[in-house]
Amino acid sequence: MLLNYITAFLLMIFGLYIMIFKKNLMKIVIGMTLFDSGINLLLISIGFRAGGTAPIFISDLKEGAFFVDPVPQALTLTSIVIGACVTALALSLVIKVKQHYGTIDADKVRRLNG
């Protein structure tokens, strides 16, 4: 279980590092995706309970059984859909920047007038 938390924080740190220090717009989009994946893994890891059952199986309920919290799973599913949409939008913006400016280097785009 500790491995999930370590992996989630490493993904978030790597994603944040790429977004801050890389100048290529494609790498920045990849960093955004890594950061989003780290957050999703963290949310799922928080909601996990070893031996827990799904809350929809009430007929199979044994005495002393406990449920897995469905809220982090629902939040993660929503986050995955939103992350896919944001990634698609960011990639389309990178394509338009490449068509308009002829480069995807963030520093060169900032220096151009037009």
PDB file of N, CA and C in Angstrom:
ATOM      1  N   MET A   1       0.825  -1.188   0.000  1.00  0.00           N
ATOM      2  CA  MET A   1       0.000   0.000   0.000  1.00  0.00           C
ATOM      3  C   MET A   1       0.870   1.253   0.000  1.00  0.00           C
ATOM      4  N   LEU A   2       1.974   1.190   0.709  1.00  0.00           N
ATOM      5  CA  LEU A   2       2.883   2.319   0.745  1.00  0.00           C
ATOM      6  C   LEU A   2       3.476   2.580  -0.637  1.00  0.00           C
ATOM      7  N   LEU A   3       3.651   1.523  -1.420  1.00  0.00           N
ATOM      8  CA  LEU A   3       4.188   1.659  -2.771  1.00  0.00           C
ATOM      9  C   LEU A   3       3.265   2.509  -3.652  1.00  0.00           C
ATOM     10  N   ASN A   4       1.952   2.384  -3.454  1.00  0.00           N
ATOM     11  CA  ASN A   4       1.012   3.209  -4.221  1.00  0.00           C
ATOM     12  C   ASN A   4       1.207   4.685  -3.925  1.00  0.00           C
ATOM     13  N   TYR A   5       1.368   5.026  -2.654  1.00  0.00           N
ATOM     14  CA  TYR A   5       1.557   6.431  -2.283  1.00  0.00           C
ATOM     15  C   TYR A   5       2.883   6.972  -2.814  1.00  0.00           C
ATOM     16  N   ILE A   6       3.930   6.173  -2.715  1.00  0.00           N
ATOM     17  CA  ILE A   6       5.238   6.602  -3.214  1.00  0.00           C
ATOM     18  C   ILE A   6       5.178   6.819  -4.727  1.00  0.00           C
ATOM     19  N   THR A   7       4.554   5.884  -5.440  1.00  0.00           N
ATOM     20  CA  THR A   7       4.433   6.005  -6.889  1.00  0.00           C
ATOM     21  C   THR A   7       3.597   7.221  -7.271  1.00  0.00           C
ATOM     22  N   ALA A   8       2.508   7.459  -6.538  1.00  0.00           N
ATOM     23  CA  ALA A   8       1.655   8.614  -6.837  1.00  0.00           C
ATOM     24  C   ALA A   8       2.426   9.914  -6.653  1.00  0.00           C
ATOM     25  N   PHE A   9       3.170  10.033  -5.561  1.00  0.00           N
ATOM     26  CA  PHE A   9       3.927  11.261  -5.333  1.00  0.00           C
ATOM     27  C   PHE A   9       5.069  11.417  -6.334  1.00  0.00           C
ATOM     28  N   LEU A  10       5.697  10.308  -6.733  1.00  0.00           N
ATOM     29  CA  LEU A  10       6.744  10.395  -7.756  1.00  0.00           C
ATOM     30  C   LEU A  10       6.171  10.850  -9.096  1.00  0.00           C
ATOM     31  N   LEU A  11       5.011  10.316  -9.470  1.00  0.00           N
ATOM     32  CA  LEU A  11       4.373  10.749 -10.710  1.00  0.00           C
ATOM     33  C   LEU A  11       4.037  12.234 -10.669  1.00  0.00           C
ATOM     34  N   MET A  12       3.520  12.689  -9.525  1.00  0.00           N
ATOM     35  CA  MET A  12       3.189  14.106  -9.408  1.00  0.00           C
ATOM     36  C   MET A  12       4.439  14.980  -9.446  1.00  0.00           C
ATOM     37  N   ILE A  13       5.512  14.549  -8.788  1.00  0.00           N
ATOM     38  CA  ILE A  13       6.752  15.325  -8.780  1.00  0.00           C
ATOM     39  C   ILE A  13       7.362  15.380 -10.182  1.00  0.00           C
ATOM     40  N   PHE A  14       7.413  14.235 -10.883  1.00  0.00           N
ATOM     41  CA  PHE A  14       7.959  14.221 -12.237  1.00  0.00           C
ATOM     42  C   PHE A  14       7.116  15.077 -13.176  1.00  0.00           C
ATOM     43  N   GLY A  15       5.796  14.973 -13.060  1.00  0.00           N
ATOM     44  CA  GLY A  15       4.914  15.772 -13.906  1.00  0.00           C
ATOM     45  C   GLY A  15       5.089  17.255 -13.662  1.00  0.00           C
ATOM     46  N   LEU A  16       5.190  17.643 -12.388  1.00  0.00           N
ATOM     47  CA  LEU A  16       5.384  19.047 -12.048  1.00  0.00           C
ATOM     48  C   LEU A  16       6.744  19.550 -12.532  1.00  0.00           C
ATOM     49  N   TYR A  17       7.774  18.720 -12.396  1.00  0.00           N
ATOM     50  CA  TYR A  17       9.108  19.083 -12.880  1.00  0.00           C
ATOM     51  C   TYR A  17       9.088  19.326 -14.385  1.00  0.00           C
ATOM     52  N   ILE A  18       8.444  18.424 -15.123  1.00  0.00           N
ATOM     53  CA  ILE A  18       8.388  18.563 -16.579  1.00  0.00           C
ATOM     54  C   ILE A  18       7.620  19.820 -16.966  1.00  0.00           C
ATOM     55  N   MET A  19       6.505  20.083 -16.292  1.00  0.00           N
ATOM     56  CA  MET A  19       5.714  21.274 -16.637  1.00  0.00           C
ATOM     57  C   MET A  19       6.467  22.572 -16.366  1.00  0.00           C
ATOM     58  N   ILE A  20       7.297  22.588 -15.331  1.00  0.00           N
ATOM     59  CA  ILE A  20       7.989  23.824 -14.960  1.00  0.00           C
ATOM     60  C   ILE A  20       9.257  24.037 -15.783  1.00  0.00           C
ATOM     61  N   PHE A  21      10.059  22.997 -15.969  1.00  0.00           N
ATOM     62  CA  PHE A  21      11.408  23.186 -16.513  1.00  0.00           C
ATOM     63  C   PHE A  21      11.581  22.839 -17.989  1.00  0.00           C
ATOM     64  N   LYS A  22      10.650  22.165 -18.609  1.00  0.00           N
ATOM     65  CA  LYS A  22      10.789  21.845 -20.029  1.00  0.00           C
ATOM     66  C   LYS A  22      10.155  22.933 -20.876  1.00  0.00           C
ATOM     67  N   LYS A  23      10.706  23.166 -22.044  1.00  0.00           N
ATOM     68  CA  LYS A  23      10.251  24.237 -22.923  1.00  0.00           C
ATOM     69  C   LYS A  23       9.445  23.730 -24.108  1.00  0.00           C
ATOM     70  N   ASN A  24       9.528  22.449 -24.407  1.00  0.00           N
ATOM     71  CA  ASN A  24       8.777  21.862 -25.505  1.00  0.00           C
ATOM     72  C   ASN A  24       7.317  21.698 -25.071  1.00  0.00           C
ATOM     73  N   LEU A  25       6.394  22.206 -25.885  1.00  0.00           N
ATOM     74  CA  LEU A  25       4.984  22.171 -25.508  1.00  0.00           C
ATOM     75  C   LEU A  25       4.443  20.745 -25.412  1.00  0.00           C
ATOM     76  N   MET A  26       4.934  19.831 -26.232  1.00  0.00           N
ATOM     77  CA  MET A  26       4.499  18.427 -26.140  1.00  0.00           C
ATOM     78  C   MET A  26       4.937  17.813 -24.807  1.00  0.00           C
ATOM     79  N   LYS A  27       6.142  18.135 -24.376  1.00  0.00           N
ATOM     80  CA  LYS A  27       6.609  17.626 -23.090  1.00  0.00           C
ATOM     81  C   LYS A  27       5.801  18.220 -21.937  1.00  0.00           C
ATOM     82  N   ILE A  28       5.374  19.451 -22.081  1.00  0.00           N
ATOM     83  CA  ILE A  28       4.538  20.069 -21.048  1.00  0.00           C
ATOM     84  C   ILE A  28       3.195  19.346 -20.953  1.00  0.00           C
ATOM     85  N   VAL A  29       2.631  18.967 -22.099  1.00  0.00           N
ATOM     86  CA  VAL A  29       1.375  18.211 -22.094  1.00  0.00           C
ATOM     87  C   VAL A  29       1.587  16.835 -21.458  1.00  0.00           C
ATOM     88  N   ILE A  30       2.718  16.205 -21.740  1.00  0.00           N
ATOM     89  CA  ILE A  30       3.035  14.919 -21.114  1.00  0.00           C
ATOM     90  C   ILE A  30       3.182  15.089 -19.607  1.00  0.00           C
ATOM     91  N   GLY A  31       3.799  16.171 -19.167  1.00  0.00           N
ATOM     92  CA  GLY A  31       3.918  16.449 -17.740  1.00  0.00           C
ATOM     93  C   GLY A  31       2.567  16.644 -17.086  1.00  0.00           C
ATOM     94  N   MET A  32       1.644  17.320 -17.790  1.00  0.00           N
ATOM     95  CA  MET A  32       0.286  17.480 -17.259  1.00  0.00           C
ATOM     96  C   MET A  32      -0.393  16.125 -17.087  1.00  0.00           C
ATOM     97  N   THR A  33      -0.195  15.245 -18.046  1.00  0.00           N
ATOM     98  CA  THR A  33      -0.800  13.918 -17.986  1.00  0.00           C
ATOM     99  C   THR A  33      -0.199  13.092 -16.845  1.00  0.00           C
ATOM    100  N   LEU A  34       1.110  13.189 -16.660  1.00  0.00           N
ATOM    101  CA  LEU A  34       1.748  12.480 -15.541  1.00  0.00           C
ATOM    102  C   LEU A  34       1.232  12.983 -14.195  1.00  0.00           C
ATOM    103  N   PHE A  35       1.106  14.283 -14.056  1.00  0.00           N
ATOM    104  CA  PHE A  35       0.600  14.861 -12.817  1.00  0.00           C
ATOM    105  C   PHE A  35      -0.832  14.392 -12.556  1.00  0.00           C
ATOM    106  N   ASP A  36      -1.653  14.377 -13.605  1.00  0.00           N
ATOM    107  CA  ASP A  36      -3.031  13.917 -13.481  1.00  0.00           C
ATOM    108  C   ASP A  36      -3.087  12.437 -13.098  1.00  0.00           C
ATOM    109  N   SER A  37      -2.221  11.626 -13.679  1.00  0.00           N
ATOM    110  CA  SER A  37      -2.189  10.205 -13.339  1.00  0.00           C
ATOM    111  C   SER A  37      -1.766   9.984 -11.891  1.00  0.00           C
ATOM    112  N   GLY A  38      -0.833  10.777 -11.410  1.00  0.00           N
ATOM    113  CA  GLY A  38      -0.422  10.686 -10.012  1.00  0.00           C
ATOM    114  C   GLY A  38      -1.553  11.018  -9.056  1.00  0.00           C
ATOM    115  N   ILE A  39      -2.326  12.041  -9.389  1.00  0.00           N
ATOM    116  CA  ILE A  39      -3.464  12.408  -8.542  1.00  0.00           C
ATOM    117  C   ILE A  39      -4.516  11.309  -8.561  1.00  0.00           C
ATOM    118  N   ASN A  40      -4.770  10.734  -9.734  1.00  0.00           N
ATOM    119  CA  ASN A  40      -5.743   9.638  -9.816  1.00  0.00           C
ATOM    120  C   ASN A  40      -5.308   8.437  -8.992  1.00  0.00           C
ATOM    121  N   LEU A  41      -4.036   8.079  -9.074  1.00  0.00           N
ATOM    122  CA  LEU A  41      -3.526   6.959  -8.280  1.00  0.00           C
ATOM    123  C   LEU A  41      -3.632   7.250  -6.787  1.00  0.00           C
ATOM    124  N   LEU A  42      -3.362   8.486  -6.393  1.00  0.00           N
ATOM    125  CA  LEU A  42      -3.480   8.860  -4.992  1.00  0.00           C
ATOM    126  C   LEU A  42      -4.923   8.756  -4.505  1.00  0.00           C
ATOM    127  N   LEU A  43      -5.874   9.219  -5.302  1.00  0.00           N
ATOM    128  CA  LEU A  43      -7.285   9.134  -4.920  1.00  0.00           C
ATOM    129  C   LEU A  43      -7.738   7.683  -4.773  1.00  0.00           C
ATOM    130  N   ILE A  44      -7.346   6.836  -5.707  1.00  0.00           N
ATOM    131  CA  ILE A  44      -7.726   5.421  -5.620  1.00  0.00           C
ATOM    132  C   ILE A  44      -7.068   4.760  -4.418  1.00  0.00           C
ATOM    133  N   SER A  45      -5.826   5.108  -4.138  1.00  0.00           N
ATOM    134  CA  SER A  45      -5.127   4.513  -2.999  1.00  0.00           C
ATOM    135  C   SER A  45      -5.748   4.937  -1.667  1.00  0.00           C
ATOM    136  N   ILE A  46      -6.228   6.158  -1.593  1.00  0.00           N
ATOM    137  CA  ILE A  46      -6.873   6.623  -0.361  1.00  0.00           C
ATOM    138  C   ILE A  46      -8.165   5.849  -0.104  1.00  0.00           C
ATOM    139  N   GLY A  47      -8.918   5.564  -1.169  1.00  0.00           N
ATOM    140  CA  GLY A  47     -10.198   4.884  -0.999  1.00  0.00           C
ATOM    141  C   GLY A  47     -10.108   3.380  -0.881  1.00  0.00           C
ATOM    142  N   PHE A  48      -8.928   2.796  -1.045  1.00  0.00           N
ATOM    143  CA  PHE A  48      -8.785   1.341  -1.013  1.00  0.00           C
ATOM    144  C   PHE A  48      -8.802   0.813   0.417  1.00  0.00           C
ATOM    145  N   ARG A  49      -9.498  -0.298   0.597  1.00  0.00           N
ATOM    146  CA  ARG A  49      -9.484  -1.015   1.879  1.00  0.00           C
ATOM    147  C   ARG A  49      -9.316  -2.497   1.581  1.00  0.00           C
ATOM    148  N   ALA A  50      -8.293  -3.099   2.126  1.00  0.00           N
ATOM    149  CA  ALA A  50      -8.029  -4.520   1.873  1.00  0.00           C
ATOM    150  C   ALA A  50      -9.167  -5.352   2.454  1.00  0.00           C
ATOM    151  N   GLY A  51      -9.722  -6.238   1.653  1.00  0.00           N
ATOM    152  CA  GLY A  51     -10.803  -7.102   2.105  1.00  0.00           C
ATOM    153  C   GLY A  51     -12.170  -6.468   2.048  1.00  0.00           C
ATOM    154  N   GLY A  52     -12.266  -5.241   1.605  1.00  0.00           N
ATOM    155  CA  GLY A  52     -13.549  -4.553   1.524  1.00  0.00           C
ATOM    156  C   GLY A  52     -14.367  -5.038   0.341  1.00  0.00           C
ATOM    157  N   THR A  53     -15.689  -4.928   0.460  1.00  0.00           N
ATOM    158  CA  THR A  53     -16.569  -5.337  -0.628  1.00  0.00           C
ATOM    159  C   THR A  53     -17.193  -4.099  -1.259  1.00  0.00           C
ATOM    160  N   ALA A  54     -17.719  -4.292  -2.454  1.00  0.00           N
ATOM    161  CA  ALA A  54     -18.401  -3.192  -3.135  1.00  0.00           C
ATOM    162  C   ALA A  54     -19.708  -2.899  -2.409  1.00  0.00           C
ATOM    163  N   PRO A  55     -20.103  -1.654  -2.273  1.00  0.00           N
ATOM    164  CA  PRO A  55     -21.309  -1.327  -1.514  1.00  0.00           C
ATOM    165  C   PRO A  55     -22.608  -1.731  -2.204  1.00  0.00           C
ATOM    166  N   ILE A  56     -22.549  -2.237  -3.431  1.00  0.00           N
ATOM    167  CA  ILE A  56     -23.787  -2.618  -4.122  1.00  0.00           C
ATOM    168  C   ILE A  56     -24.185  -4.061  -3.833  1.00  0.00           C
ATOM    169  N   PHE A  57     -23.287  -4.859  -3.277  1.00  0.00           N
ATOM    170  CA  PHE A  57     -23.585  -6.258  -3.001  1.00  0.00           C
ATOM    171  C   PHE A  57     -24.090  -6.430  -1.579  1.00  0.00           C
ATOM    172  N   ILE A  58     -25.302  -6.007  -1.321  1.00  0.00           N
ATOM    173  CA  ILE A  58     -25.849  -6.080   0.032  1.00  0.00           C
ATOM    174  C   ILE A  58     -26.284  -7.506   0.360  1.00  0.00           C
ATOM    175  N   SER A  59     -26.717  -8.282  -0.639  1.00  0.00           N
ATOM    176  CA  SER A  59     -27.183  -9.646  -0.366  1.00  0.00           C
ATOM    177  C   SER A  59     -26.044 -10.563   0.059  1.00  0.00           C
ATOM    178  N   ASP A  60     -24.823 -10.270  -0.350  1.00  0.00           N
ATOM    179  CA  ASP A  60     -23.668 -11.100   0.014  1.00  0.00           C
ATOM    180  C   ASP A  60     -22.995 -10.615   1.289  1.00  0.00           C
ATOM    181  N   LEU A  61     -23.632  -9.734   2.017  1.00  0.00           N
ATOM    182  CA  LEU A  61     -23.025  -9.117   3.196  1.00  0.00           C
ATOM    183  C   LEU A  61     -22.891 -10.131   4.324  1.00  0.00           C
ATOM    184  N   LYS A  62     -21.681 -10.286   4.823  1.00  0.00           N
ATOM    185  CA  LYS A  62     -21.405 -11.156   5.963  1.00  0.00           C
ATOM    186  C   LYS A  62     -21.276 -10.280   7.192  1.00  0.00           C
ATOM    187  N   GLU A  63     -21.444 -10.873   8.333  1.00  0.00           N
ATOM    188  CA  GLU A  63     -21.309 -10.092   9.556  1.00  0.00           C
ATOM    189  C   GLU A  63     -19.855  -9.674   9.742  1.00  0.00           C
ATOM    190  N   GLY A  64     -19.660  -8.435  10.038  1.00  0.00           N
ATOM    191  CA  GLY A  64     -18.318  -7.899  10.227  1.00  0.00           C
ATOM    192  C   GLY A  64     -17.666  -7.438   8.934  1.00  0.00           C
ATOM    193  N   ALA A  65     -18.392  -7.543   7.806  1.00  0.00           N
ATOM    194  CA  ALA A  65     -17.828  -7.087   6.535  1.00  0.00           C
ATOM    195  C   ALA A  65     -17.902  -5.566   6.462  1.00  0.00           C
ATOM    196  N   PHE A  66     -17.014  -5.005   5.701  1.00  0.00           N
ATOM    197  CA  PHE A  66     -17.000  -3.547   5.531  1.00  0.00           C
ATOM    198  C   PHE A  66     -16.884  -3.228   4.052  1.00  0.00           C
ATOM    199  N   PHE A  67     -17.254  -2.018   3.721  1.00  0.00           N
ATOM    200  CA  PHE A  67     -17.317  -1.589   2.334  1.00  0.00           C
ATOM    201  C   PHE A  67     -16.103  -0.743   1.957  1.00  0.00           C
ATOM    202  N   VAL A  68     -15.839  -0.759   0.670  1.00  0.00           N
ATOM    203  CA  VAL A  68     -14.853   0.154   0.104  1.00  0.00           C
ATOM    204  C   VAL A  68     -15.585   1.467  -0.171  1.00  0.00           C
ATOM    205  N   ASP A  69     -14.945   2.568   0.137  1.00  0.00           N
ATOM    206  CA  ASP A  69     -15.564   3.878  -0.064  1.00  0.00           C
ATOM    207  C   ASP A  69     -15.701   4.163  -1.560  1.00  0.00           C
ATOM    208  N   PRO A  70     -16.924   4.359  -2.076  1.00  0.00           N
ATOM    209  CA  PRO A  70     -17.100   4.585  -3.521  1.00  0.00           C
ATOM    210  C   PRO A  70     -16.830   6.020  -3.959  1.00  0.00           C
ATOM    211  N   VAL A  71     -16.733   6.967  -3.034  1.00  0.00           N
ATOM    212  CA  VAL A  71     -16.560   8.370  -3.416  1.00  0.00           C
ATOM    213  C   VAL A  71     -15.223   8.612  -4.131  1.00  0.00           C
ATOM    214  N   PRO A  72     -14.082   8.120  -3.616  1.00  0.00           N
ATOM    215  CA  PRO A  72     -12.828   8.332  -4.369  1.00  0.00           C
ATOM    216  C   PRO A  72     -12.841   7.679  -5.746  1.00  0.00           C
ATOM    217  N   GLN A  73     -13.532   6.553  -5.873  1.00  0.00           N
ATOM    218  CA  GLN A  73     -13.616   5.907  -7.179  1.00  0.00           C
ATOM    219  C   GLN A  73     -14.418   6.760  -8.154  1.00  0.00           C
ATOM    220  N   ALA A  74     -15.524   7.344  -7.681  1.00  0.00           N
ATOM    221  CA  ALA A  74     -16.324   8.212  -8.542  1.00  0.00           C
ATOM    222  C   ALA A  74     -15.553   9.478  -8.909  1.00  0.00           C
ATOM    223  N   LEU A  75     -14.830  10.041  -7.941  1.00  0.00           N
ATOM    224  CA  LEU A  75     -14.023  11.232  -8.223  1.00  0.00           C
ATOM    225  C   LEU A  75     -12.921  10.928  -9.233  1.00  0.00           C
ATOM    226  N   THR A  76     -12.311   9.757  -9.108  1.00  0.00           N
ATOM    227  CA  THR A  76     -11.248   9.375 -10.031  1.00  0.00           C
ATOM    228  C   THR A  76     -11.791   9.147 -11.434  1.00  0.00           C
ATOM    229  N   LEU A  77     -12.943   8.524 -11.538  1.00  0.00           N
ATOM    230  CA  LEU A  77     -13.549   8.329 -12.855  1.00  0.00           C
ATOM    231  C   LEU A  77     -13.851   9.668 -13.513  1.00  0.00           C
ATOM    232  N   THR A  78     -14.379  10.603 -12.751  1.00  0.00           N
ATOM    233  CA  THR A  78     -14.639  11.943 -13.265  1.00  0.00           C
ATOM    234  C   THR A  78     -13.337  12.632 -13.654  1.00  0.00           C
ATOM    235  N   SER A  79     -12.302  12.470 -12.843  1.00  0.00           N
ATOM    236  CA  SER A  79     -11.004  13.074 -13.122  1.00  0.00           C
ATOM    237  C   SER A  79     -10.377  12.500 -14.395  1.00  0.00           C
ATOM    238  N   ILE A  80     -10.561  11.222 -14.640  1.00  0.00           N
ATOM    239  CA  ILE A  80     -10.017  10.604 -15.856  1.00  0.00           C
ATOM    240  C   ILE A  80     -10.679  11.197 -17.094  1.00  0.00           C
ATOM    241  N   VAL A  81     -12.004  11.363 -17.045  1.00  0.00           N
ATOM    242  CA  VAL A  81     -12.725  11.930 -18.186  1.00  0.00           C
ATOM    243  C   VAL A  81     -12.297  13.378 -18.413  1.00  0.00           C
ATOM    244  N   ILE A  82     -12.218  14.161 -17.342  1.00  0.00           N
ATOM    245  CA  ILE A  82     -11.803  15.551 -17.479  1.00  0.00           C
ATOM    246  C   ILE A  82     -10.356  15.641 -17.960  1.00  0.00           C
ATOM    247  N   GLY A  83      -9.485  14.770 -17.448  1.00  0.00           N
ATOM    248  CA  GLY A  83      -8.087  14.765 -17.875  1.00  0.00           C
ATOM    249  C   GLY A  83      -7.927  14.431 -19.349  1.00  0.00           C
ATOM    250  N   ALA A  84      -8.749  13.502 -19.846  1.00  0.00           N
ATOM    251  CA  ALA A  84      -8.685  13.167 -21.278  1.00  0.00           C
ATOM    252  C   ALA A  84      -9.119  14.353 -22.127  1.00  0.00           C
ATOM    253  N   CYS A  85     -10.146  15.062 -21.683  1.00  0.00           N
ATOM    254  CA  CYS A  85     -10.615  16.239 -22.428  1.00  0.00           C
ATOM    255  C   CYS A  85      -9.581  17.358 -22.398  1.00  0.00           C
ATOM    256  N   VAL A  86      -8.969  17.586 -21.244  1.00  0.00           N
ATOM    257  CA  VAL A  86      -7.946  18.634 -21.139  1.00  0.00           C
ATOM    258  C   VAL A  86      -6.733  18.282 -21.993  1.00  0.00           C
ATOM    259  N   THR A  87      -6.342  17.020 -22.004  1.00  0.00           N
ATOM    260  CA  THR A  87      -5.215  16.593 -22.827  1.00  0.00           C
ATOM    261  C   THR A  87      -5.514  16.777 -24.310  1.00  0.00           C
ATOM    262  N   ALA A  88      -6.726  16.416 -24.727  1.00  0.00           N
ATOM    263  CA  ALA A  88      -7.101  16.596 -26.134  1.00  0.00           C
ATOM    264  C   ALA A  88      -7.094  18.075 -26.514  1.00  0.00           C
ATOM    265  N   LEU A  89      -7.610  18.925 -25.639  1.00  0.00           N
ATOM    266  CA  LEU A  89      -7.607  20.360 -25.910  1.00  0.00           C
ATOM    267  C   LEU A  89      -6.181  20.910 -25.963  1.00  0.00           C
ATOM    268  N   ALA A  90      -5.332  20.482 -25.031  1.00  0.00           N
ATOM    269  CA  ALA A  90      -3.944  20.953 -25.012  1.00  0.00           C
ATOM    270  C   ALA A  90      -3.204  20.509 -26.270  1.00  0.00           C
ATOM    271  N   LEU A  91      -3.434  19.270 -26.706  1.00  0.00           N
ATOM    272  CA  LEU A  91      -2.778  18.802 -27.935  1.00  0.00           C
ATOM    273  C   LEU A  91      -3.269  19.561 -29.160  1.00  0.00           C
ATOM    274  N   SER A  92      -4.555  19.887 -29.191  1.00  0.00           N
ATOM    275  CA  SER A  92      -5.045  20.672 -30.329  1.00  0.00           C
ATOM    276  C   SER A  92      -4.458  22.081 -30.308  1.00  0.00           C
ATOM    277  N   LEU A  93      -4.265  22.654 -29.121  1.00  0.00           N
ATOM    278  CA  LEU A  93      -3.619  23.965 -29.038  1.00  0.00           C
ATOM    279  C   LEU A  93      -2.160  23.896 -29.475  1.00  0.00           C
ATOM    280  N   VAL A  94      -1.473  22.806 -29.146  1.00  0.00           N
ATOM    281  CA  VAL A  94      -0.088  22.639 -29.590  1.00  0.00           C
ATOM    282  C   VAL A  94      -0.037  22.564 -31.116  1.00  0.00           C
ATOM    283  N   ILE A  95      -0.993  21.872 -31.718  1.00  0.00           N
ATOM    284  CA  ILE A  95      -1.040  21.787 -33.179  1.00  0.00           C
ATOM    285  C   ILE A  95      -1.251  23.174 -33.795  1.00  0.00           C
ATOM    286  N   LYS A  96      -2.164  23.941 -33.220  1.00  0.00           N
ATOM    287  CA  LYS A  96      -2.418  25.289 -33.739  1.00  0.00           C
ATOM    288  C   LYS A  96      -1.214  26.211 -33.539  1.00  0.00           C
ATOM    289  N   VAL A  97      -0.516  26.084 -32.415  1.00  0.00           N
ATOM    290  CA  VAL A  97       0.697  26.882 -32.194  1.00  0.00           C
ATOM    291  C   VAL A  97       1.758  26.515 -33.225  1.00  0.00           C
ATOM    292  N   LYS A  98       1.899  25.229 -33.508  1.00  0.00           N
ATOM    293  CA  LYS A  98       2.869  24.779 -34.509  1.00  0.00           C
ATOM    294  C   LYS A  98       2.508  25.324 -35.893  1.00  0.00           C
ATOM    295  N   GLN A  99       1.214  25.319 -36.233  1.00  0.00           N
ATOM    296  CA  GLN A  99       0.792  25.837 -37.537  1.00  0.00           C
ATOM    297  C   GLN A  99       1.001  27.349 -37.633  1.00  0.00           C
ATOM    298  N   HIS A 100       0.728  28.064 -36.557  1.00  0.00           N
ATOM    299  CA  HIS A 100       0.794  29.529 -36.597  1.00  0.00           C
ATOM    300  C   HIS A 100       2.219  30.058 -36.477  1.00  0.00           C
ATOM    301  N   TYR A 101       2.991  29.500 -35.528  1.00  0.00           N
ATOM    302  CA  TYR A 101       4.331  30.017 -35.262  1.00  0.00           C
ATOM    303  C   TYR A 101       5.445  29.194 -35.905  1.00  0.00           C
ATOM    304  N   GLY A 102       5.169  27.957 -36.275  1.00  0.00           N
ATOM    305  CA  GLY A 102       6.189  27.119 -36.883  1.00  0.00           C
ATOM    306  C   GLY A 102       7.107  26.438 -35.891  1.00  0.00           C
ATOM    307  N   THR A 103       6.828  26.536 -34.599  1.00  0.00           N
ATOM    308  CA  THR A 103       7.644  25.907 -33.572  1.00  0.00           C
ATOM    309  C   THR A 103       6.756  25.544 -32.382  1.00  0.00           C
ATOM    310  N   ILE A 104       7.234  24.591 -31.585  1.00  0.00           N
ATOM    311  CA  ILE A 104       6.525  24.261 -30.347  1.00  0.00           C
ATOM    312  C   ILE A 104       7.404  24.518 -29.125  1.00  0.00           C
ATOM    313  N   ASP A 105       8.469  25.282 -29.329  1.00  0.00           N
ATOM    314  CA  ASP A 105       9.317  25.697 -28.216  1.00  0.00           C
ATOM    315  C   ASP A 105       8.670  26.908 -27.545  1.00  0.00           C
ATOM    316  N   ALA A 106       8.381  26.808 -26.257  1.00  0.00           N
ATOM    317  CA  ALA A 106       7.656  27.850 -25.547  1.00  0.00           C
ATOM    318  C   ALA A 106       8.418  29.178 -25.527  1.00  0.00           C
ATOM    319  N   ASP A 107       9.727  29.124 -25.386  1.00  0.00           N
ATOM    320  CA  ASP A 107      10.510  30.368 -25.363  1.00  0.00           C
ATOM    321  C   ASP A 107      10.477  31.086 -26.704  1.00  0.00           C
ATOM    322  N   LYS A 108      10.570  30.341 -27.790  1.00  0.00           N
ATOM    323  CA  LYS A 108      10.539  30.961 -29.109  1.00  0.00           C
ATOM    324  C   LYS A 108       9.151  31.536 -29.417  1.00  0.00           C
ATOM    325  N   VAL A 109       8.100  30.872 -28.964  1.00  0.00           N
ATOM    326  CA  VAL A 109       6.749  31.378 -29.189  1.00  0.00           C
ATOM    327  C   VAL A 109       6.544  32.679 -28.433  1.00  0.00           C
ATOM    328  N   ARG A 110       7.078  32.779 -27.229  1.00  0.00           N
ATOM    329  CA  ARG A 110       6.942  33.998 -26.430  1.00  0.00           C
ATOM    330  C   ARG A 110       7.659  35.190 -27.077  1.00  0.00           C
ATOM    331  N   ARG A 111       8.769  34.921 -27.769  1.00  0.00           N
ATOM    332  CA  ARG A 111       9.571  35.993 -28.358  1.00  0.00           C
ATOM    333  C   ARG A 111       9.015  36.500 -29.683  1.00  0.00           C
ATOM    334  N   LEU A 112       8.171  35.687 -30.325  1.00  0.00           N
ATOM    335  CA  LEU A 112       7.648  36.079 -31.624  1.00  0.00           C
ATOM    336  C   LEU A 112       6.554  37.123 -31.471  1.00  0.00           C
ATOM    337  N   ASN A 113       6.495  38.029 -32.411  1.00  0.00           N
ATOM    338  CA  ASN A 113       5.426  39.040 -32.420  1.00  0.00           C
ATOM    339  C   ASN A 113       4.468  38.683 -33.546  1.00  0.00           C
ATOM    340  N   GLY A 114       3.243  38.350 -33.182  1.00  0.00           N
ATOM    341  CA  GLY A 114       2.299  38.021 -34.240  1.00  0.00           C
ATOM    342  C   GLY A 114       1.190  37.201 -33.847  1.00  0.00           C
TER     343      GLY A 114
END
